Amino acid sequence: MDFDPILWSVLLLIVGCALVALEIFLPSGGIIGFLAATAFVAAIVMAFYNGGPVKGALFLLGAMVLLPTVVAVAFKYWPHTPIGRRLLLSIPSDEDTLPRDEKAKRQKSLVGKIGVAKSKMLPSGAVVIEGKTVDAVSQGMAIDAGQKVVVLEVKGNRVVVRPAKESQRPSSQTGDDLLSQPLDALGIDNLDDPLA
């Protein structure tokens, strides 16, 4: 069985493409890459030698189109391979990046709880939730002191609140720090006008 010499060039071009893809999926320190380059050069030289300048130029043009195409397709699928997953780190989630101390856990547990604004929030201020004073940020609106608020989210050390509905009641005040509780909770009348 006699092979046409141009078929050898086609075969070497296919082997070169396979070796380029293999080098991307299985890093060898350049050994497989060198073999791929040798296969491409041999395919082009054989095409020029056996097929003349027209077939040689076509193989050169084919190699110039095939090589970047094979590399692009291989890199598209590379992150889904075991080596690709190992070398390319995934984007960390909030749980991975946030500190795991008790204060962060306590703040995460505030989501959905009802509190009272201790100071006017333009947009930041203090909020009393379950007897504890927490620095918070309102969700884009001013909140008056004494107005009920609900915690929407906690990102890092930032507590985001919005005004609560009138029907919602503040979470139970279990704190023993008298200075952090609002005057209404202590049963003290307003101290603004001492002569009244």
N, C-alpha and C. Protein backbone atom coordinates (compact mmCIF):
# COMPACT_ATOMS: atom_id res chain seq x y z
N MET A 1 0.85 -1.18 0.00
CA MET A 1 0.00 0.00 0.00
C MET A 1 0.90 1.24 0.00
N ASP A 2 0.73 2.05 -1.03
CA ASP A 2 1.53 3.26 -1.17
C ASP A 2 0.76 4.48 -0.70
N PHE A 3 1.38 5.26 0.18
CA PHE A 3 0.78 6.50 0.66
C PHE A 3 1.23 7.63 -0.24
N ASP A 4 0.30 8.51 -0.56
CA ASP A 4 0.65 9.72 -1.29
C ASP A 4 1.47 10.60 -0.33
N PRO A 5 2.57 11.19 -0.77
CA PRO A 5 3.39 12.01 0.13
C PRO A 5 2.62 13.16 0.77
N ILE A 6 1.61 13.68 0.08
CA ILE A 6 0.81 14.76 0.67
C ILE A 6 0.00 14.24 1.87
N LEU A 7 -0.40 12.97 1.83
CA LEU A 7 -1.11 12.40 2.98
C LEU A 7 -0.24 12.37 4.22
N TRP A 8 1.08 12.16 4.01
CA TRP A 8 2.01 12.22 5.15
C TRP A 8 2.01 13.63 5.74
N SER A 9 1.94 14.63 4.88
CA SER A 9 1.90 16.02 5.38
C SER A 9 0.61 16.27 6.18
N VAL A 10 -0.51 15.75 5.67
CA VAL A 10 -1.78 15.91 6.38
C VAL A 10 -1.71 15.19 7.72
N LEU A 11 -1.17 13.98 7.72
CA LEU A 11 -1.05 13.21 8.94
C LEU A 11 -0.16 13.93 9.97
N LEU A 12 0.96 14.49 9.50
CA LEU A 12 1.84 15.23 10.41
C LEU A 12 1.16 16.49 10.95
N LEU A 13 0.32 17.13 10.13
CA LEU A 13 -0.41 18.31 10.59
C LEU A 13 -1.42 17.93 11.68
N ILE A 14 -2.09 16.80 11.49
CA ILE A 14 -3.05 16.32 12.50
C ILE A 14 -2.32 15.94 13.78
N VAL A 15 -1.18 15.27 13.65
CA VAL A 15 -0.39 14.90 14.83
C VAL A 15 0.09 16.15 15.56
N GLY A 16 0.52 17.17 14.81
CA GLY A 16 0.96 18.44 15.42
C GLY A 16 -0.16 19.09 16.21
N CYS A 17 -1.39 19.10 15.65
CA CYS A 17 -2.54 19.68 16.36
C CYS A 17 -2.85 18.89 17.64
N ALA A 18 -2.79 17.57 17.54
CA ALA A 18 -3.05 16.74 18.71
C ALA A 18 -2.00 16.96 19.79
N LEU A 19 -0.74 17.12 19.38
CA LEU A 19 0.33 17.34 20.36
C LEU A 19 0.20 18.71 21.02
N VAL A 20 -0.25 19.74 20.26
CA VAL A 20 -0.46 21.06 20.87
C VAL A 20 -1.55 20.96 21.94
N ALA A 21 -2.65 20.29 21.61
CA ALA A 21 -3.73 20.13 22.60
C ALA A 21 -3.25 19.33 23.81
N LEU A 22 -2.46 18.31 23.56
CA LEU A 22 -1.93 17.49 24.65
C LEU A 22 -1.00 18.30 25.55
N GLU A 23 -0.21 19.18 24.95
CA GLU A 23 0.69 20.03 25.75
C GLU A 23 -0.11 20.95 26.66
N ILE A 24 -1.26 21.41 26.20
CA ILE A 24 -2.08 22.29 27.03
C ILE A 24 -2.73 21.51 28.17
N PHE A 25 -3.23 20.31 27.87
CA PHE A 25 -3.90 19.52 28.91
C PHE A 25 -2.94 18.79 29.82
N LEU A 26 -1.75 18.49 29.35
CA LEU A 26 -0.76 17.73 30.12
C LEU A 26 0.59 18.43 30.02
N PRO A 27 0.85 19.42 30.88
CA PRO A 27 2.10 20.17 30.79
C PRO A 27 3.32 19.25 30.92
N SER A 28 4.25 19.40 29.98
CA SER A 28 5.42 18.53 29.97
C SER A 28 6.72 19.32 30.02
N GLY A 29 6.63 20.58 30.31
CA GLY A 29 7.85 21.38 30.36
C GLY A 29 8.35 21.72 28.96
N GLY A 30 7.50 21.62 27.96
CA GLY A 30 7.88 21.99 26.61
C GLY A 30 8.27 20.84 25.71
N ILE A 31 8.37 19.63 26.23
CA ILE A 31 8.79 18.48 25.41
C ILE A 31 7.72 18.17 24.36
N ILE A 32 6.45 18.10 24.78
CA ILE A 32 5.37 17.82 23.83
C ILE A 32 5.21 19.00 22.88
N GLY A 33 5.40 20.20 23.36
CA GLY A 33 5.34 21.39 22.51
C GLY A 33 6.41 21.38 21.44
N PHE A 34 7.61 20.95 21.81
CA PHE A 34 8.71 20.83 20.82
C PHE A 34 8.35 19.79 19.76
N LEU A 35 7.80 18.66 20.18
CA LEU A 35 7.39 17.63 19.22
C LEU A 35 6.27 18.15 18.30
N ALA A 36 5.36 18.96 18.84
CA ALA A 36 4.28 19.53 18.03
C ALA A 36 4.85 20.49 16.99
N ALA A 37 5.78 21.33 17.41
CA ALA A 37 6.41 22.26 16.47
C ALA A 37 7.17 21.51 15.38
N THR A 38 7.85 20.45 15.77
CA THR A 38 8.57 19.62 14.79
C THR A 38 7.59 19.00 13.80
N ALA A 39 6.44 18.53 14.26
CA ALA A 39 5.45 17.93 13.37
C ALA A 39 4.89 18.98 12.40
N PHE A 40 4.63 20.20 12.89
CA PHE A 40 4.15 21.25 11.99
C PHE A 40 5.19 21.61 10.94
N VAL A 41 6.43 21.80 11.36
CA VAL A 41 7.49 22.15 10.40
C VAL A 41 7.68 21.03 9.39
N ALA A 42 7.69 19.79 9.84
CA ALA A 42 7.87 18.65 8.93
C ALA A 42 6.71 18.56 7.94
N ALA A 43 5.47 18.83 8.39
CA ALA A 43 4.32 18.79 7.49
C ALA A 43 4.45 19.85 6.41
N ILE A 44 4.87 21.04 6.79
CA ILE A 44 5.01 22.13 5.81
C ILE A 44 6.15 21.86 4.85
N VAL A 45 7.28 21.39 5.36
CA VAL A 45 8.43 21.09 4.49
C VAL A 45 8.08 19.98 3.52
N MET A 46 7.42 18.92 3.99
CA MET A 46 7.04 17.82 3.09
C MET A 46 6.04 18.29 2.04
N ALA A 47 5.13 19.21 2.42
CA ALA A 47 4.16 19.73 1.46
C ALA A 47 4.87 20.54 0.38
N PHE A 48 5.84 21.36 0.76
CA PHE A 48 6.61 22.12 -0.23
C PHE A 48 7.43 21.19 -1.11
N TYR A 49 8.03 20.19 -0.49
CA TYR A 49 8.93 19.30 -1.23
C TYR A 49 8.16 18.39 -2.19
N ASN A 50 7.05 17.81 -1.73
CA ASN A 50 6.31 16.84 -2.53
C ASN A 50 5.19 17.46 -3.37
N GLY A 51 4.65 18.56 -2.96
CA GLY A 51 3.50 19.12 -3.65
C GLY A 51 3.78 20.40 -4.40
N GLY A 52 4.94 20.97 -4.23
CA GLY A 52 5.26 22.21 -4.91
C GLY A 52 4.90 23.42 -4.06
N PRO A 53 5.17 24.61 -4.63
CA PRO A 53 4.95 25.84 -3.85
C PRO A 53 3.47 26.12 -3.54
N VAL A 54 2.55 25.73 -4.40
CA VAL A 54 1.14 26.01 -4.15
C VAL A 54 0.63 25.17 -2.97
N LYS A 55 0.87 23.86 -3.01
CA LYS A 55 0.43 23.00 -1.90
C LYS A 55 1.18 23.34 -0.62
N GLY A 56 2.45 23.67 -0.74
CA GLY A 56 3.22 24.07 0.45
C GLY A 56 2.66 25.32 1.08
N ALA A 57 2.29 26.32 0.24
CA ALA A 57 1.71 27.56 0.77
C ALA A 57 0.35 27.28 1.41
N LEU A 58 -0.43 26.37 0.82
CA LEU A 58 -1.72 26.00 1.41
C LEU A 58 -1.53 25.33 2.78
N PHE A 59 -0.53 24.47 2.89
CA PHE A 59 -0.26 23.83 4.19
C PHE A 59 0.23 24.86 5.21
N LEU A 60 1.04 25.80 4.77
CA LEU A 60 1.52 26.86 5.66
C LEU A 60 0.33 27.69 6.15
N LEU A 61 -0.56 28.06 5.24
CA LEU A 61 -1.75 28.81 5.61
C LEU A 61 -2.66 27.99 6.53
N GLY A 62 -2.80 26.70 6.21
CA GLY A 62 -3.61 25.81 7.06
C GLY A 62 -3.04 25.70 8.46
N ALA A 63 -1.72 25.59 8.56
CA ALA A 63 -1.08 25.52 9.89
C ALA A 63 -1.27 26.82 10.66
N MET A 64 -1.23 27.95 9.94
CA MET A 64 -1.40 29.26 10.60
C MET A 64 -2.83 29.44 11.10
N VAL A 65 -3.80 28.77 10.49
CA VAL A 65 -5.18 28.86 10.94
C VAL A 65 -5.46 27.79 12.01
N LEU A 66 -4.95 26.58 11.79
CA LEU A 66 -5.23 25.47 12.70
C LEU A 66 -4.60 25.67 14.08
N LEU A 67 -3.38 26.13 14.13
CA LEU A 67 -2.67 26.25 15.41
C LEU A 67 -3.40 27.15 16.39
N PRO A 68 -3.75 28.40 16.03
CA PRO A 68 -4.49 29.22 17.01
C PRO A 68 -5.87 28.68 17.34
N THR A 69 -6.52 28.03 16.36
CA THR A 69 -7.84 27.46 16.60
C THR A 69 -7.76 26.33 17.63
N VAL A 70 -6.79 25.44 17.46
CA VAL A 70 -6.62 24.32 18.40
C VAL A 70 -6.28 24.85 19.79
N VAL A 71 -5.41 25.86 19.86
CA VAL A 71 -5.03 26.43 21.16
C VAL A 71 -6.25 27.07 21.82
N ALA A 72 -7.06 27.83 21.05
CA ALA A 72 -8.24 28.49 21.63
C ALA A 72 -9.25 27.47 22.13
N VAL A 73 -9.51 26.43 21.35
CA VAL A 73 -10.48 25.41 21.77
C VAL A 73 -9.96 24.66 22.99
N ALA A 74 -8.68 24.34 23.01
CA ALA A 74 -8.11 23.62 24.15
C ALA A 74 -8.18 24.46 25.42
N PHE A 75 -7.88 25.76 25.31
CA PHE A 75 -7.96 26.62 26.50
C PHE A 75 -9.40 26.84 26.95
N LYS A 76 -10.36 26.72 26.03
CA LYS A 76 -11.76 26.85 26.43
C LYS A 76 -12.17 25.68 27.33
N TYR A 77 -11.70 24.48 27.02
CA TYR A 77 -12.07 23.31 27.81
C TYR A 77 -11.10 23.01 28.94
N TRP A 78 -9.96 23.66 28.96
CA TRP A 78 -8.93 23.38 29.97
C TRP A 78 -9.39 23.60 31.41
N PRO A 79 -10.13 24.70 31.73
CA PRO A 79 -10.55 24.89 33.12
C PRO A 79 -11.45 23.79 33.66
N HIS A 80 -12.06 23.00 32.78
CA HIS A 80 -12.96 21.94 33.22
C HIS A 80 -12.24 20.62 33.44
N THR A 81 -10.94 20.58 33.19
CA THR A 81 -10.16 19.37 33.40
C THR A 81 -9.66 19.34 34.85
N PRO A 82 -9.24 18.17 35.35
CA PRO A 82 -8.73 18.11 36.73
C PRO A 82 -7.53 19.04 36.97
N ILE A 83 -6.61 19.12 36.00
CA ILE A 83 -5.46 20.01 36.17
C ILE A 83 -5.90 21.47 36.14
N GLY A 84 -6.82 21.80 35.24
CA GLY A 84 -7.33 23.17 35.16
C GLY A 84 -8.03 23.60 36.43
N ARG A 85 -8.85 22.71 37.00
CA ARG A 85 -9.53 23.05 38.26
C ARG A 85 -8.54 23.20 39.40
N ARG A 86 -7.46 22.45 39.34
CA ARG A 86 -6.47 22.52 40.41
C ARG A 86 -5.63 23.80 40.32
N LEU A 87 -5.33 24.23 39.09
CA LEU A 87 -4.48 25.40 38.92
C LEU A 87 -5.25 26.71 38.97
N LEU A 88 -6.48 26.71 38.46
CA LEU A 88 -7.30 27.91 38.49
C LEU A 88 -8.18 27.87 39.71
N LEU A 89 -8.00 28.82 40.60
CA LEU A 89 -8.78 28.85 41.82
C LEU A 89 -10.16 29.41 41.54
N SER A 90 -11.16 28.91 42.22
CA SER A 90 -12.51 29.44 42.06
C SER A 90 -12.63 30.73 42.86
N ILE A 91 -13.63 31.51 42.52
CA ILE A 91 -13.87 32.77 43.21
C ILE A 91 -14.39 32.45 44.61
N PRO A 92 -13.75 33.02 45.65
CA PRO A 92 -14.21 32.70 47.01
C PRO A 92 -15.58 33.30 47.29
N SER A 93 -16.36 32.59 48.08
CA SER A 93 -17.68 33.08 48.47
C SER A 93 -17.54 34.02 49.67
N ASP A 94 -18.65 34.67 50.02
CA ASP A 94 -18.63 35.56 51.20
C ASP A 94 -18.28 34.78 52.46
N GLU A 95 -18.76 33.55 52.54
CA GLU A 95 -18.47 32.73 53.73
C GLU A 95 -16.97 32.46 53.86
N ASP A 96 -16.27 32.34 52.72
CA ASP A 96 -14.83 32.07 52.76
C ASP A 96 -14.03 33.30 53.15
N THR A 97 -14.52 34.48 52.78
CA THR A 97 -13.72 35.69 53.00
C THR A 97 -14.03 36.42 54.29
N LEU A 98 -15.23 36.20 54.85
CA LEU A 98 -15.59 36.90 56.07
C LEU A 98 -14.95 36.22 57.28
N PRO A 99 -14.61 37.01 58.31
CA PRO A 99 -14.02 36.40 59.50
C PRO A 99 -15.01 35.47 60.20
N ARG A 100 -14.47 34.49 60.89
CA ARG A 100 -15.32 33.49 61.55
C ARG A 100 -15.33 33.66 63.07
N ASP A 101 -15.25 34.88 63.53
CA ASP A 101 -15.27 35.09 64.97
C ASP A 101 -16.71 35.24 65.47
N GLU A 102 -16.87 35.32 66.76
CA GLU A 102 -18.19 35.38 67.37
C GLU A 102 -18.93 36.66 67.01
N LYS A 103 -18.20 37.78 66.90
CA LYS A 103 -18.86 39.05 66.58
C LYS A 103 -19.49 38.98 65.19
N ALA A 104 -18.79 38.39 64.23
CA ALA A 104 -19.34 38.27 62.88
C ALA A 104 -20.57 37.37 62.87
N LYS A 105 -20.54 36.29 63.65
CA LYS A 105 -21.69 35.40 63.73
C LYS A 105 -22.89 36.10 64.36
N ARG A 106 -22.62 36.89 65.41
CA ARG A 106 -23.71 37.62 66.06
C ARG A 106 -24.32 38.63 65.09
N GLN A 107 -23.48 39.31 64.34
CA GLN A 107 -24.01 40.31 63.40
C GLN A 107 -24.80 39.64 62.29
N LYS A 108 -24.37 38.48 61.82
CA LYS A 108 -25.12 37.74 60.79
C LYS A 108 -26.50 37.35 61.32
N SER A 109 -26.59 37.07 62.62
CA SER A 109 -27.87 36.65 63.19
C SER A 109 -28.85 37.82 63.33
N LEU A 110 -28.41 39.05 63.09
CA LEU A 110 -29.29 40.21 63.21
C LEU A 110 -30.24 40.36 62.03
N VAL A 111 -29.96 39.69 60.92
CA VAL A 111 -30.78 39.86 59.71
C VAL A 111 -32.23 39.47 60.02
N GLY A 112 -33.15 40.39 59.69
CA GLY A 112 -34.57 40.16 59.91
C GLY A 112 -35.08 40.65 61.26
N LYS A 113 -34.20 41.02 62.17
CA LYS A 113 -34.62 41.46 63.51
C LYS A 113 -35.06 42.92 63.46
N ILE A 114 -35.93 43.26 64.40
CA ILE A 114 -36.49 44.60 64.50
C ILE A 114 -35.81 45.32 65.66
N GLY A 115 -35.46 46.57 65.42
CA GLY A 115 -34.84 47.39 66.45
C GLY A 115 -35.38 48.80 66.41
N VAL A 116 -34.76 49.70 67.18
CA VAL A 116 -35.17 51.09 67.25
C VAL A 116 -33.95 51.95 66.97
N ALA A 117 -34.14 52.97 66.13
CA ALA A 117 -33.04 53.89 65.84
C ALA A 117 -32.73 54.71 67.08
N LYS A 118 -31.49 54.70 67.50
CA LYS A 118 -31.08 55.42 68.71
C LYS A 118 -30.76 56.86 68.36
N SER A 119 -30.29 57.08 67.15
CA SER A 119 -29.97 58.43 66.70
C SER A 119 -30.54 58.63 65.30
N LYS A 120 -30.57 59.87 64.85
CA LYS A 120 -31.05 60.15 63.50
C LYS A 120 -30.04 59.55 62.52
N MET A 121 -30.56 58.84 61.52
CA MET A 121 -29.69 58.15 60.56
C MET A 121 -29.73 58.89 59.23
N LEU A 122 -28.60 59.50 58.86
CA LEU A 122 -28.49 60.27 57.62
C LEU A 122 -27.28 59.83 56.80
N PRO A 123 -27.03 58.76 56.28
CA PRO A 123 -27.77 57.52 56.37
C PRO A 123 -27.23 56.61 57.47
N SER A 124 -26.18 57.00 58.18
CA SER A 124 -25.65 56.10 59.20
C SER A 124 -25.98 56.62 60.59
N GLY A 125 -25.97 55.70 61.53
CA GLY A 125 -26.27 56.06 62.90
C GLY A 125 -26.28 54.81 63.76
N ALA A 126 -26.81 54.96 64.98
CA ALA A 126 -26.85 53.85 65.92
C ALA A 126 -28.26 53.29 66.01
N VAL A 127 -28.33 51.97 66.16
CA VAL A 127 -29.59 51.25 66.27
C VAL A 127 -29.51 50.33 67.48
N VAL A 128 -30.61 50.22 68.24
CA VAL A 128 -30.65 49.32 69.38
C VAL A 128 -31.46 48.10 68.98
N ILE A 129 -30.80 46.93 68.99
CA ILE A 129 -31.46 45.67 68.67
C ILE A 129 -31.18 44.71 69.80
N GLU A 130 -32.25 44.21 70.43
CA GLU A 130 -32.15 43.28 71.55
C GLU A 130 -31.27 43.84 72.67
N GLY A 131 -31.38 45.13 72.90
CA GLY A 131 -30.64 45.76 73.98
C GLY A 131 -29.20 46.10 73.66
N LYS A 132 -28.74 45.80 72.47
CA LYS A 132 -27.36 46.07 72.08
C LYS A 132 -27.36 47.20 71.06
N THR A 133 -26.42 48.12 71.20
CA THR A 133 -26.27 49.22 70.24
C THR A 133 -25.38 48.76 69.10
N VAL A 134 -25.88 48.97 67.89
CA VAL A 134 -25.17 48.55 66.70
C VAL A 134 -25.07 49.73 65.75
N ASP A 135 -23.89 49.95 65.18
CA ASP A 135 -23.74 50.96 64.14
C ASP A 135 -24.37 50.41 62.87
N ALA A 136 -25.21 51.23 62.22
CA ALA A 136 -25.94 50.75 61.05
C ALA A 136 -26.00 51.84 59.99
N VAL A 137 -26.40 51.42 58.79
CA VAL A 137 -26.57 52.33 57.66
C VAL A 137 -27.98 52.11 57.13
N SER A 138 -28.70 53.21 56.90
CA SER A 138 -30.05 53.06 56.35
C SER A 138 -29.97 52.80 54.85
N GLN A 139 -31.03 52.25 54.34
CA GLN A 139 -31.08 51.88 52.93
C GLN A 139 -31.52 53.10 52.10
N GLY A 140 -30.70 54.13 52.09
CA GLY A 140 -30.91 55.28 51.22
C GLY A 140 -31.92 56.30 51.69
N MET A 141 -32.40 56.22 52.92
CA MET A 141 -33.38 57.19 53.39
C MET A 141 -33.05 57.60 54.81
N ALA A 142 -33.51 58.79 55.20
CA ALA A 142 -33.29 59.26 56.57
C ALA A 142 -34.26 58.54 57.50
N ILE A 143 -33.76 58.20 58.69
CA ILE A 143 -34.58 57.54 59.70
C ILE A 143 -34.44 58.36 60.98
N ASP A 144 -35.58 58.72 61.56
CA ASP A 144 -35.58 59.53 62.78
C ASP A 144 -35.26 58.68 64.00
N ALA A 145 -34.74 59.32 65.03
CA ALA A 145 -34.47 58.63 66.29
C ALA A 145 -35.78 58.12 66.88
N GLY A 146 -35.77 56.91 67.39
CA GLY A 146 -36.95 56.30 67.98
C GLY A 146 -37.82 55.55 66.99
N GLN A 147 -37.52 55.64 65.71
CA GLN A 147 -38.30 54.94 64.69
C GLN A 147 -37.86 53.48 64.63
N LYS A 148 -38.83 52.58 64.43
CA LYS A 148 -38.52 51.16 64.34
C LYS A 148 -37.83 50.87 63.01
N VAL A 149 -36.84 49.96 63.06
CA VAL A 149 -36.10 49.58 61.86
C VAL A 149 -35.98 48.05 61.81
N VAL A 150 -35.81 47.53 60.60
CA VAL A 150 -35.59 46.11 60.41
C VAL A 150 -34.24 45.95 59.70
N VAL A 151 -33.48 44.94 60.11
CA VAL A 151 -32.16 44.69 59.53
C VAL A 151 -32.35 43.91 58.23
N LEU A 152 -31.84 44.46 57.13
CA LEU A 152 -31.97 43.81 55.82
C LEU A 152 -30.82 42.86 55.53
N GLU A 153 -29.59 43.33 55.75
CA GLU A 153 -28.43 42.50 55.45
C GLU A 153 -27.24 42.94 56.28
N VAL A 154 -26.27 42.05 56.38
CA VAL A 154 -25.01 42.34 57.05
C VAL A 154 -23.90 41.94 56.10
N LYS A 155 -23.08 42.90 55.71
CA LYS A 155 -21.93 42.64 54.83
C LYS A 155 -20.68 43.07 55.58
N GLY A 156 -19.88 42.11 55.98
CA GLY A 156 -18.69 42.44 56.77
C GLY A 156 -19.12 43.00 58.10
N ASN A 157 -18.75 44.25 58.37
CA ASN A 157 -19.17 44.89 59.62
C ASN A 157 -20.23 45.96 59.36
N ARG A 158 -20.83 45.96 58.18
CA ARG A 158 -21.83 46.95 57.81
C ARG A 158 -23.23 46.35 57.93
N VAL A 159 -24.05 46.96 58.79
CA VAL A 159 -25.42 46.51 59.01
C VAL A 159 -26.35 47.47 58.27
N VAL A 160 -27.14 46.94 57.36
CA VAL A 160 -28.05 47.77 56.55
C VAL A 160 -29.47 47.60 57.08
N VAL A 161 -30.14 48.75 57.35
CA VAL A 161 -31.50 48.73 57.90
C VAL A 161 -32.43 49.58 57.04
N ARG A 162 -33.73 49.35 57.21
CA ARG A 162 -34.77 50.20 56.60
C ARG A 162 -35.87 50.37 57.65
N PRO A 163 -36.73 51.37 57.47
CA PRO A 163 -37.82 51.55 58.44
C PRO A 163 -38.72 50.32 58.48
N ALA A 164 -39.13 49.94 59.66
CA ALA A 164 -40.02 48.79 59.84
C ALA A 164 -41.47 49.26 59.75
N LYS A 165 -42.37 48.34 59.49
CA LYS A 165 -43.81 48.66 59.48
C LYS A 165 -44.27 48.90 60.91
N GLU A 166 -45.31 49.67 61.04
CA GLU A 166 -45.82 50.01 62.37
C GLU A 166 -46.29 48.78 63.14
N SER A 167 -46.73 47.76 62.41
CA SER A 167 -47.25 46.57 63.09
C SER A 167 -46.13 45.69 63.65
N GLN A 168 -44.92 45.90 63.21
CA GLN A 168 -43.80 45.07 63.68
C GLN A 168 -43.31 45.59 65.02
N ARG A 169 -43.00 44.67 65.91
CA ARG A 169 -42.54 45.05 67.25
C ARG A 169 -41.04 44.81 67.35
N PRO A 170 -40.33 45.64 68.09
CA PRO A 170 -38.88 45.43 68.25
C PRO A 170 -38.59 44.09 68.92
N SER A 171 -37.43 43.54 68.58
CA SER A 171 -36.98 42.30 69.22
C SER A 171 -36.80 42.55 70.70
N SER A 172 -36.93 41.51 71.51
CA SER A 172 -36.89 41.67 72.96
C SER A 172 -35.58 42.29 73.41
N GLN A 173 -35.71 43.16 74.38
CA GLN A 173 -34.54 43.89 74.88
C GLN A 173 -33.98 43.13 76.07
N THR A 174 -32.93 42.37 75.84
CA THR A 174 -32.37 41.56 76.92
C THR A 174 -31.04 42.12 77.42
N GLY A 175 -30.64 43.26 76.90
CA GLY A 175 -29.34 43.79 77.32
C GLY A 175 -29.42 44.36 78.72
N ASP A 176 -28.35 44.31 79.44
CA ASP A 176 -28.34 44.86 80.79
C ASP A 176 -27.61 46.19 80.84
N ASP A 177 -27.21 46.73 79.69
CA ASP A 177 -26.55 48.02 79.63
C ASP A 177 -27.61 49.10 79.53
N LEU A 178 -27.82 49.83 80.64
CA LEU A 178 -28.88 50.84 80.69
C LEU A 178 -28.62 51.99 79.74
N LEU A 179 -27.36 52.32 79.51
CA LEU A 179 -27.04 53.46 78.65
C LEU A 179 -27.33 53.18 77.18
N SER A 180 -27.37 51.92 76.80
CA SER A 180 -27.63 51.60 75.40
C SER A 180 -29.11 51.47 75.08
N GLN A 181 -29.98 51.53 76.09
CA GLN A 181 -31.41 51.37 75.87
C GLN A 181 -32.05 52.74 75.66
N PRO A 182 -33.11 52.81 74.83
CA PRO A 182 -33.80 54.09 74.63
C PRO A 182 -34.57 54.48 75.90
N LEU A 183 -34.86 55.77 76.00
CA LEU A 183 -35.56 56.28 77.18
C LEU A 183 -36.92 55.65 77.35
N ASP A 184 -37.61 55.38 76.27
CA ASP A 184 -38.94 54.78 76.36
C ASP A 184 -38.89 53.43 77.06
N ALA A 185 -37.84 52.65 76.80
CA ALA A 185 -37.73 51.32 77.39
C ALA A 185 -37.45 51.40 78.88
N LEU A 186 -36.85 52.51 79.34
CA LEU A 186 -36.52 52.66 80.76
C LEU A 186 -37.66 53.27 81.57
N GLY A 187 -38.69 53.77 80.86
CA GLY A 187 -39.83 54.37 81.59
C GLY A 187 -39.54 55.77 82.07
N ILE A 188 -38.59 56.46 81.47
CA ILE A 188 -38.23 57.82 81.87
C ILE A 188 -38.90 58.77 80.92
N ASP A 189 -39.49 59.85 81.46
CA ASP A 189 -40.11 60.85 80.59
C ASP A 189 -39.03 61.60 79.83
N ASN A 190 -39.47 62.31 78.82
CA ASN A 190 -38.57 63.10 77.99
C ASN A 190 -37.86 64.15 78.84
N LEU A 191 -36.56 64.28 78.71
CA LEU A 191 -35.75 65.20 79.52
C LEU A 191 -35.41 66.48 78.78
N ASP A 192 -36.09 66.74 77.65
CA ASP A 192 -35.74 67.93 76.86
C ASP A 192 -36.03 69.23 77.62
N ASP A 193 -37.17 69.35 78.26
CA ASP A 193 -37.54 70.56 78.99
C ASP A 193 -37.70 70.25 80.47
N PRO A 194 -36.66 70.51 81.29
CA PRO A 194 -36.71 70.13 82.70
C PRO A 194 -37.74 70.92 83.52
N LEU A 195 -38.22 72.11 83.05
CA LEU A 195 -39.17 72.95 83.80
C LEU A 195 -40.60 72.61 83.48
N ALA A 196 -40.84 71.75 82.52
CA ALA A 196 -42.21 71.45 82.12
C ALA A 196 -42.92 70.55 83.10
